[in-house]
N, C-alpha and C. Protein backbone atom coordinates (compact mmCIF):
# COMPACT_ATOMS: atom_id res chain seq x y z
N MET A 1 203.41 116.19 34.88
CA MET A 1 203.07 115.87 36.25
C MET A 1 202.22 114.59 36.25
N PRO A 2 202.63 113.57 37.02
CA PRO A 2 201.84 112.34 37.07
C PRO A 2 200.44 112.59 37.64
N GLU A 3 199.49 111.83 37.16
CA GLU A 3 198.12 111.96 37.65
C GLU A 3 197.76 110.71 38.45
N ILE A 4 197.23 110.93 39.64
CA ILE A 4 196.83 109.86 40.55
C ILE A 4 195.31 109.93 40.70
N GLU A 5 194.64 108.78 40.54
CA GLU A 5 193.20 108.75 40.76
C GLU A 5 192.93 108.63 42.25
N ILE A 6 191.91 109.36 42.74
CA ILE A 6 191.55 109.34 44.16
C ILE A 6 190.05 109.15 44.31
N LYS A 7 189.67 108.31 45.28
CA LYS A 7 188.26 108.12 45.64
C LYS A 7 188.09 108.57 47.09
N TYR A 8 187.10 109.40 47.31
CA TYR A 8 186.77 109.83 48.67
C TYR A 8 185.72 108.86 49.20
N LEU A 9 186.07 108.12 50.24
CA LEU A 9 185.21 107.07 50.76
C LEU A 9 184.35 107.55 51.92
N ARG A 10 184.73 108.61 52.59
CA ARG A 10 183.99 109.16 53.73
C ARG A 10 183.91 110.68 53.61
N PRO A 11 183.17 111.19 52.59
CA PRO A 11 183.15 112.65 52.40
C PRO A 11 182.52 113.41 53.56
N ASP A 12 181.83 112.71 54.46
CA ASP A 12 181.29 113.39 55.64
C ASP A 12 182.39 113.81 56.60
N VAL A 13 183.53 113.10 56.57
CA VAL A 13 184.66 113.43 57.45
C VAL A 13 185.85 113.97 56.67
N VAL A 14 186.10 113.38 55.50
CA VAL A 14 187.19 113.83 54.63
C VAL A 14 186.53 114.33 53.34
N PRO A 15 186.22 115.62 53.28
CA PRO A 15 185.45 116.16 52.15
C PRO A 15 186.15 115.98 50.80
N THR A 16 185.35 115.78 49.77
CA THR A 16 185.85 115.69 48.41
C THR A 16 186.69 116.93 48.10
N GLY A 17 187.86 116.73 47.53
CA GLY A 17 188.75 117.83 47.18
C GLY A 17 189.68 118.27 48.29
N SER A 18 189.57 117.66 49.48
CA SER A 18 190.38 118.12 50.61
C SER A 18 191.81 117.58 50.60
N VAL A 19 192.08 116.52 49.85
CA VAL A 19 193.45 116.02 49.77
C VAL A 19 194.17 116.84 48.70
N THR A 20 194.96 117.77 49.17
CA THR A 20 195.64 118.70 48.29
C THR A 20 196.90 119.21 48.99
N TYR A 21 197.82 119.74 48.23
CA TYR A 21 199.01 120.35 48.81
C TYR A 21 198.59 121.66 49.48
N GLN A 22 199.00 121.84 50.73
CA GLN A 22 198.55 122.99 51.51
C GLN A 22 199.28 124.29 51.17
N THR A 23 200.51 124.19 50.64
CA THR A 23 201.25 125.37 50.23
C THR A 23 201.94 125.07 48.90
N LYS A 24 202.42 126.10 48.24
CA LYS A 24 203.12 125.91 46.96
C LYS A 24 204.38 125.08 47.11
N GLY A 25 205.02 125.12 48.27
CA GLY A 25 206.25 124.38 48.49
C GLY A 25 206.07 123.04 49.18
N ALA A 26 204.84 122.66 49.48
CA ALA A 26 204.60 121.39 50.18
C ALA A 26 204.95 120.20 49.29
N ASN A 27 205.58 119.20 49.87
CA ASN A 27 205.93 117.99 49.15
C ASN A 27 205.02 116.82 49.48
N ALA A 28 204.16 116.98 50.47
CA ALA A 28 203.28 115.91 50.89
C ALA A 28 201.86 116.45 51.09
N VAL A 29 200.89 115.55 51.06
CA VAL A 29 199.51 115.89 51.37
C VAL A 29 199.16 115.25 52.71
N ASP A 30 198.27 115.89 53.45
CA ASP A 30 197.87 115.36 54.75
C ASP A 30 196.85 114.25 54.60
N LEU A 31 196.94 113.27 55.48
CA LEU A 31 195.94 112.22 55.60
C LEU A 31 195.21 112.44 56.91
N ARG A 32 193.88 112.33 56.86
CA ARG A 32 193.05 112.62 58.03
C ARG A 32 192.42 111.36 58.60
N ALA A 33 192.00 111.47 59.84
CA ALA A 33 191.30 110.37 60.51
C ALA A 33 189.85 110.37 60.04
N ALA A 34 189.47 109.36 59.28
CA ALA A 34 188.09 109.25 58.77
C ALA A 34 187.29 108.42 59.77
N ILE A 35 187.05 109.01 60.93
CA ILE A 35 186.30 108.36 62.00
C ILE A 35 185.12 109.23 62.38
N SER A 36 184.07 108.61 62.91
CA SER A 36 182.87 109.36 63.28
C SER A 36 182.95 109.93 64.69
N ASP A 37 183.64 109.22 65.58
CA ASP A 37 183.74 109.63 66.98
C ASP A 37 185.22 109.64 67.39
N PRO A 38 185.55 110.43 68.40
CA PRO A 38 186.94 110.43 68.87
C PRO A 38 187.36 109.04 69.34
N ILE A 39 188.64 108.74 69.18
CA ILE A 39 189.21 107.47 69.62
C ILE A 39 190.36 107.77 70.57
N LYS A 40 190.34 107.10 71.72
CA LYS A 40 191.40 107.25 72.70
C LYS A 40 192.47 106.19 72.45
N VAL A 41 193.71 106.63 72.32
CA VAL A 41 194.84 105.72 72.12
C VAL A 41 195.65 105.73 73.40
N GLU A 42 195.69 104.58 74.05
CA GLU A 42 196.40 104.46 75.33
C GLU A 42 197.91 104.38 75.09
N PRO A 43 198.71 104.72 76.11
CA PRO A 43 200.16 104.61 75.98
C PRO A 43 200.58 103.20 75.54
N GLY A 44 201.45 103.13 74.54
CA GLY A 44 201.92 101.87 74.01
C GLY A 44 200.99 101.19 73.03
N GLN A 45 199.78 101.71 72.87
CA GLN A 45 198.80 101.10 71.98
C GLN A 45 198.98 101.57 70.54
N ALA A 46 198.76 100.67 69.60
CA ALA A 46 198.76 101.00 68.17
C ALA A 46 197.42 100.58 67.59
N ILE A 47 196.80 101.46 66.81
CA ILE A 47 195.51 101.15 66.21
C ILE A 47 195.52 101.56 64.73
N LEU A 48 194.66 100.92 63.96
CA LEU A 48 194.50 101.29 62.55
C LEU A 48 193.38 102.31 62.42
N ILE A 49 193.67 103.39 61.75
CA ILE A 49 192.70 104.46 61.53
C ILE A 49 192.48 104.59 60.02
N PRO A 50 191.24 104.55 59.56
CA PRO A 50 190.99 104.73 58.13
C PRO A 50 191.25 106.18 57.71
N SER A 51 191.75 106.36 56.50
CA SER A 51 192.03 107.71 55.99
C SER A 51 190.85 108.29 55.22
N GLY A 52 189.91 107.43 54.83
CA GLY A 52 188.75 107.91 54.07
C GLY A 52 189.02 108.09 52.59
N ILE A 53 190.20 107.67 52.13
CA ILE A 53 190.51 107.78 50.70
C ILE A 53 191.14 106.49 50.19
N ALA A 54 191.00 106.29 48.91
CA ALA A 54 191.71 105.24 48.19
C ALA A 54 192.32 105.91 46.97
N ILE A 55 193.50 105.45 46.58
CA ILE A 55 194.17 106.01 45.39
C ILE A 55 194.57 104.87 44.47
N TRP A 56 194.74 105.22 43.21
CA TRP A 56 195.32 104.29 42.25
C TRP A 56 196.42 105.03 41.53
N ILE A 57 197.65 104.62 41.78
CA ILE A 57 198.83 105.31 41.23
C ILE A 57 199.05 104.93 39.77
N LYS A 58 198.78 103.69 39.42
CA LYS A 58 198.89 103.15 38.05
C LYS A 58 200.32 102.94 37.58
N ASN A 59 201.17 103.89 37.77
CA ASN A 59 202.54 103.87 37.23
C ASN A 59 203.44 103.03 38.14
N PRO A 60 203.97 101.89 37.68
CA PRO A 60 204.79 101.05 38.54
C PRO A 60 206.14 101.69 38.92
N GLN A 61 206.44 102.84 38.38
CA GLN A 61 207.66 103.54 38.78
C GLN A 61 207.38 104.66 39.78
N LEU A 62 206.16 104.63 40.36
CA LEU A 62 205.79 105.57 41.43
C LEU A 62 205.23 104.77 42.59
N ALA A 63 205.40 105.30 43.78
CA ALA A 63 204.79 104.74 44.99
C ALA A 63 204.43 105.90 45.90
N ALA A 64 203.53 105.64 46.82
CA ALA A 64 203.22 106.63 47.85
C ALA A 64 203.86 106.15 49.15
N VAL A 65 204.39 107.08 49.91
CA VAL A 65 204.99 106.77 51.19
C VAL A 65 204.21 107.53 52.26
N ILE A 66 203.78 106.80 53.27
CA ILE A 66 203.05 107.41 54.39
C ILE A 66 204.06 107.67 55.50
N ILE A 67 204.15 108.92 55.92
CA ILE A 67 205.12 109.32 56.94
C ILE A 67 204.39 110.08 58.05
N PRO A 68 204.98 110.11 59.25
CA PRO A 68 204.31 110.81 60.35
C PRO A 68 204.34 112.32 60.18
N ARG A 69 203.44 112.98 60.87
CA ARG A 69 203.49 114.43 60.98
C ARG A 69 204.40 114.75 62.15
N SER A 70 205.41 115.54 61.92
CA SER A 70 206.44 115.76 62.94
C SER A 70 205.90 116.38 64.22
N GLY A 71 204.94 117.27 64.12
CA GLY A 71 204.40 117.92 65.31
C GLY A 71 203.70 116.95 66.24
N LEU A 72 202.96 115.99 65.69
CA LEU A 72 202.27 115.01 66.53
C LEU A 72 203.26 114.14 67.29
N GLY A 73 204.33 113.76 66.62
CA GLY A 73 205.34 112.93 67.28
C GLY A 73 206.10 113.69 68.34
N ALA A 74 206.52 114.90 68.02
CA ALA A 74 207.34 115.69 68.94
C ALA A 74 206.54 116.22 70.13
N LYS A 75 205.32 116.66 69.89
CA LYS A 75 204.54 117.30 70.95
C LYS A 75 203.64 116.33 71.72
N LYS A 76 203.12 115.30 71.06
CA LYS A 76 202.17 114.42 71.72
C LYS A 76 202.64 112.98 71.85
N GLY A 77 203.63 112.56 71.06
CA GLY A 77 204.10 111.18 71.11
C GLY A 77 203.32 110.26 70.19
N LEU A 78 202.55 110.81 69.24
CA LEU A 78 201.79 110.00 68.31
C LEU A 78 202.57 109.87 67.00
N VAL A 79 202.97 108.65 66.68
CA VAL A 79 203.74 108.37 65.47
C VAL A 79 203.07 107.22 64.72
N LEU A 80 203.65 106.82 63.60
CA LEU A 80 203.11 105.69 62.86
C LEU A 80 203.65 104.40 63.46
N GLY A 81 202.76 103.44 63.66
CA GLY A 81 203.14 102.17 64.26
C GLY A 81 204.16 101.41 63.45
N ASN A 82 204.11 101.53 62.14
CA ASN A 82 205.09 100.85 61.29
C ASN A 82 206.17 101.83 60.81
N LEU A 83 206.20 103.01 61.40
CA LEU A 83 207.16 104.08 61.13
C LEU A 83 207.00 104.69 59.75
N VAL A 84 206.93 103.88 58.71
CA VAL A 84 206.71 104.36 57.34
C VAL A 84 205.83 103.33 56.65
N GLY A 85 204.90 103.80 55.85
CA GLY A 85 204.06 102.88 55.07
C GLY A 85 204.30 103.09 53.59
N LEU A 86 204.24 102.01 52.83
CA LEU A 86 204.44 102.07 51.39
C LEU A 86 203.16 101.65 50.69
N ILE A 87 202.69 102.48 49.76
CA ILE A 87 201.52 102.16 48.96
C ILE A 87 202.01 101.86 47.54
N ASP A 88 201.84 100.60 47.12
CA ASP A 88 202.27 100.19 45.78
C ASP A 88 201.36 100.77 44.71
N SER A 89 201.88 100.84 43.50
CA SER A 89 201.16 101.46 42.38
C SER A 89 199.88 100.74 42.01
N ASP A 90 199.75 99.45 42.35
CA ASP A 90 198.56 98.70 41.96
C ASP A 90 197.55 98.52 43.09
N TYR A 91 197.81 99.09 44.28
CA TYR A 91 196.88 99.00 45.40
C TYR A 91 195.75 99.99 45.20
N GLN A 92 194.51 99.55 45.41
CA GLN A 92 193.36 100.42 45.22
C GLN A 92 192.44 100.49 46.43
N GLY A 93 192.84 99.86 47.53
CA GLY A 93 192.01 99.87 48.73
C GLY A 93 192.20 101.14 49.55
N GLU A 94 191.42 101.23 50.62
CA GLU A 94 191.52 102.40 51.49
C GLU A 94 192.90 102.45 52.15
N ILE A 95 193.45 103.63 52.20
CA ILE A 95 194.72 103.83 52.89
C ILE A 95 194.43 103.88 54.39
N MET A 96 195.15 103.03 55.12
CA MET A 96 194.98 102.96 56.57
C MET A 96 196.22 103.56 57.24
N ILE A 97 196.02 104.19 58.37
CA ILE A 97 197.09 104.84 59.12
C ILE A 97 197.26 104.08 60.43
N THR A 98 198.45 103.58 60.69
CA THR A 98 198.73 102.91 61.95
C THR A 98 199.19 103.96 62.95
N ALA A 99 198.32 104.32 63.88
CA ALA A 99 198.65 105.33 64.88
C ALA A 99 199.15 104.65 66.14
N TRP A 100 200.33 105.03 66.60
CA TRP A 100 200.95 104.44 67.78
C TRP A 100 201.26 105.53 68.79
N ASN A 101 200.73 105.36 69.99
CA ASN A 101 201.04 106.25 71.10
C ASN A 101 202.31 105.72 71.76
N ARG A 102 203.43 106.35 71.48
CA ARG A 102 204.71 105.86 71.98
C ARG A 102 204.98 106.28 73.43
N ASN A 103 204.07 107.03 74.03
CA ASN A 103 204.23 107.42 75.43
C ASN A 103 204.16 106.18 76.33
N THR A 104 204.74 106.28 77.53
CA THR A 104 204.75 105.14 78.44
C THR A 104 204.00 105.40 79.74
N ALA A 105 203.82 106.65 80.13
CA ALA A 105 203.13 106.95 81.39
C ALA A 105 201.62 106.73 81.21
N PRO A 106 200.95 106.15 82.22
CA PRO A 106 199.53 105.82 82.10
C PRO A 106 198.62 107.02 81.79
N TYR A 107 198.99 108.21 82.21
CA TYR A 107 198.15 109.38 82.00
C TYR A 107 198.36 110.04 80.62
N GLN A 108 199.21 109.47 79.78
CA GLN A 108 199.54 110.09 78.49
C GLN A 108 198.73 109.49 77.33
N SER A 109 197.43 109.36 77.53
CA SER A 109 196.55 108.93 76.45
C SER A 109 196.44 110.04 75.42
N ILE A 110 196.13 109.67 74.20
CA ILE A 110 195.98 110.65 73.13
C ILE A 110 194.60 110.46 72.50
N MET A 111 193.88 111.54 72.32
CA MET A 111 192.58 111.49 71.66
C MET A 111 192.76 111.83 70.18
N ILE A 112 192.23 110.98 69.33
CA ILE A 112 192.23 111.25 67.89
C ILE A 112 190.82 111.69 67.54
N GLU A 113 190.71 112.87 66.95
CA GLU A 113 189.42 113.46 66.63
C GLU A 113 189.04 113.19 65.17
N PRO A 114 187.75 113.13 64.88
CA PRO A 114 187.33 112.98 63.48
C PRO A 114 187.92 114.08 62.60
N GLY A 115 188.49 113.69 61.48
CA GLY A 115 189.06 114.66 60.54
C GLY A 115 190.44 115.18 60.91
N GLN A 116 190.99 114.75 62.03
CA GLN A 116 192.32 115.22 62.46
C GLN A 116 193.39 114.78 61.47
N ARG A 117 194.31 115.66 61.18
CA ARG A 117 195.45 115.32 60.31
C ARG A 117 196.40 114.43 61.10
N LEU A 118 196.60 113.20 60.62
CA LEU A 118 197.40 112.21 61.35
C LEU A 118 198.73 111.89 60.71
N ALA A 119 198.80 111.94 59.39
CA ALA A 119 199.99 111.51 58.67
C ALA A 119 200.10 112.32 57.39
N GLN A 120 201.19 112.09 56.67
CA GLN A 120 201.41 112.73 55.38
C GLN A 120 201.69 111.66 54.33
N MET A 121 201.35 111.98 53.10
CA MET A 121 201.62 111.06 52.00
C MET A 121 202.42 111.81 50.95
N VAL A 122 203.54 111.21 50.59
CA VAL A 122 204.42 111.79 49.57
C VAL A 122 204.62 110.74 48.48
N PHE A 123 204.76 111.19 47.26
CA PHE A 123 204.96 110.28 46.14
C PHE A 123 206.43 110.28 45.75
N VAL A 124 206.95 109.09 45.50
CA VAL A 124 208.37 108.94 45.17
C VAL A 124 208.52 108.08 43.93
N GLN A 125 209.62 108.31 43.22
CA GLN A 125 209.93 107.48 42.07
C GLN A 125 210.54 106.17 42.56
N THR A 126 210.13 105.09 41.94
CA THR A 126 210.63 103.77 42.31
C THR A 126 211.00 103.02 41.04
N PRO A 127 212.21 103.25 40.56
CA PRO A 127 212.60 102.60 39.30
C PRO A 127 212.58 101.08 39.42
N ARG A 128 212.13 100.43 38.39
CA ARG A 128 212.17 98.97 38.31
C ARG A 128 213.59 98.57 37.94
N VAL A 129 214.09 97.54 38.57
CA VAL A 129 215.45 97.09 38.29
C VAL A 129 215.43 95.67 37.78
N LYS A 130 216.49 95.31 37.11
CA LYS A 130 216.67 93.95 36.64
C LYS A 130 217.81 93.35 37.46
N PHE A 131 217.59 92.17 38.02
CA PHE A 131 218.64 91.52 38.81
C PHE A 131 219.46 90.60 37.92
N ARG A 132 220.79 90.67 38.11
CA ARG A 132 221.71 89.78 37.39
C ARG A 132 222.47 88.99 38.44
N GLU A 133 222.27 87.69 38.46
CA GLU A 133 222.93 86.84 39.45
C GLU A 133 224.41 86.71 39.14
N VAL A 134 225.23 86.81 40.21
CA VAL A 134 226.68 86.67 40.07
C VAL A 134 227.20 85.81 41.22
N GLU A 135 228.36 85.22 41.03
CA GLU A 135 229.03 84.48 42.10
C GLU A 135 229.80 85.44 43.00
N GLU A 136 230.40 86.45 42.38
CA GLU A 136 231.15 87.48 43.10
C GLU A 136 230.85 88.82 42.44
N PHE A 137 230.93 89.90 43.21
CA PHE A 137 230.74 91.22 42.63
C PHE A 137 231.94 91.58 41.77
N THR A 138 231.70 92.38 40.75
CA THR A 138 232.77 92.73 39.82
C THR A 138 233.85 93.60 40.46
N ASN A 139 233.50 94.39 41.45
CA ASN A 139 234.46 95.21 42.18
C ASN A 139 234.13 95.13 43.66
N ILE A 140 235.14 95.21 44.50
CA ILE A 140 234.95 95.24 45.94
C ILE A 140 235.07 96.70 46.38
N THR A 141 234.06 97.20 47.09
CA THR A 141 234.08 98.59 47.54
C THR A 141 234.95 98.74 48.78
N GLU A 142 235.26 99.97 49.14
CA GLU A 142 236.05 100.24 50.34
C GLU A 142 235.34 99.70 51.58
N ARG A 143 234.02 99.83 51.61
CA ARG A 143 233.24 99.35 52.75
C ARG A 143 233.09 97.83 52.74
N GLY A 144 232.94 97.26 51.57
CA GLY A 144 232.79 95.81 51.45
C GLY A 144 231.57 95.30 52.20
N THR A 145 231.76 94.34 53.07
CA THR A 145 230.65 93.73 53.80
C THR A 145 230.47 94.30 55.20
N GLU A 146 231.22 95.36 55.53
CA GLU A 146 231.09 95.96 56.86
C GLU A 146 229.70 96.58 57.00
N GLY A 147 229.02 96.28 58.09
CA GLY A 147 227.63 96.72 58.29
C GLY A 147 227.49 97.84 59.28
N PHE A 148 226.57 97.68 60.22
CA PHE A 148 226.22 98.71 61.18
C PHE A 148 227.45 99.25 61.90
N GLY A 149 227.57 100.58 61.93
CA GLY A 149 228.66 101.22 62.64
C GLY A 149 229.98 101.20 61.91
N SER A 150 229.98 100.79 60.67
CA SER A 150 231.24 100.66 59.95
C SER A 150 231.92 101.99 59.66
N THR A 151 231.20 103.08 59.74
CA THR A 151 231.80 104.38 59.44
C THR A 151 232.12 105.15 60.72
N GLY A 152 231.99 104.53 61.89
CA GLY A 152 232.31 105.19 63.14
C GLY A 152 231.07 105.52 63.95
N ASP A 153 231.29 106.00 65.16
CA ASP A 153 230.19 106.31 66.09
C ASP A 153 229.53 107.64 65.78
N GLU A 154 230.21 108.55 65.18
CA GLU A 154 229.69 109.90 65.06
C GLU A 154 229.25 110.23 63.67
């Protein structure tokens, strides 16, 4: 099992030892809002929220991916502003969460509370590849250069 180093930067809000898998079958760990006071996110607004942690993955064949919590998006309209975040193996700074209120009606503000679970972080393998320049590909696939919608509407 790979080992990731973690630093707790705001133990008053994100307690030491709190970043952990919540169940035996969980594939991601929760990231919390490391803020002292509630923050109101207006409809259409995106803000950066500190997570209160920094990690060092070390292994260049691993990366962390920050993904939204499905309940917040489905029930409240709060998603990640960049949809998905990638944490490279050599990054050691605080992980920031881009919270975006995708609602459009003026009364649909969202309050983010200190310590609230905002996102999830999952670790994925990222194999290093070697590029070989060619003039033409060695084989032409059935799809070839056909792009968006090339397999039909459904």
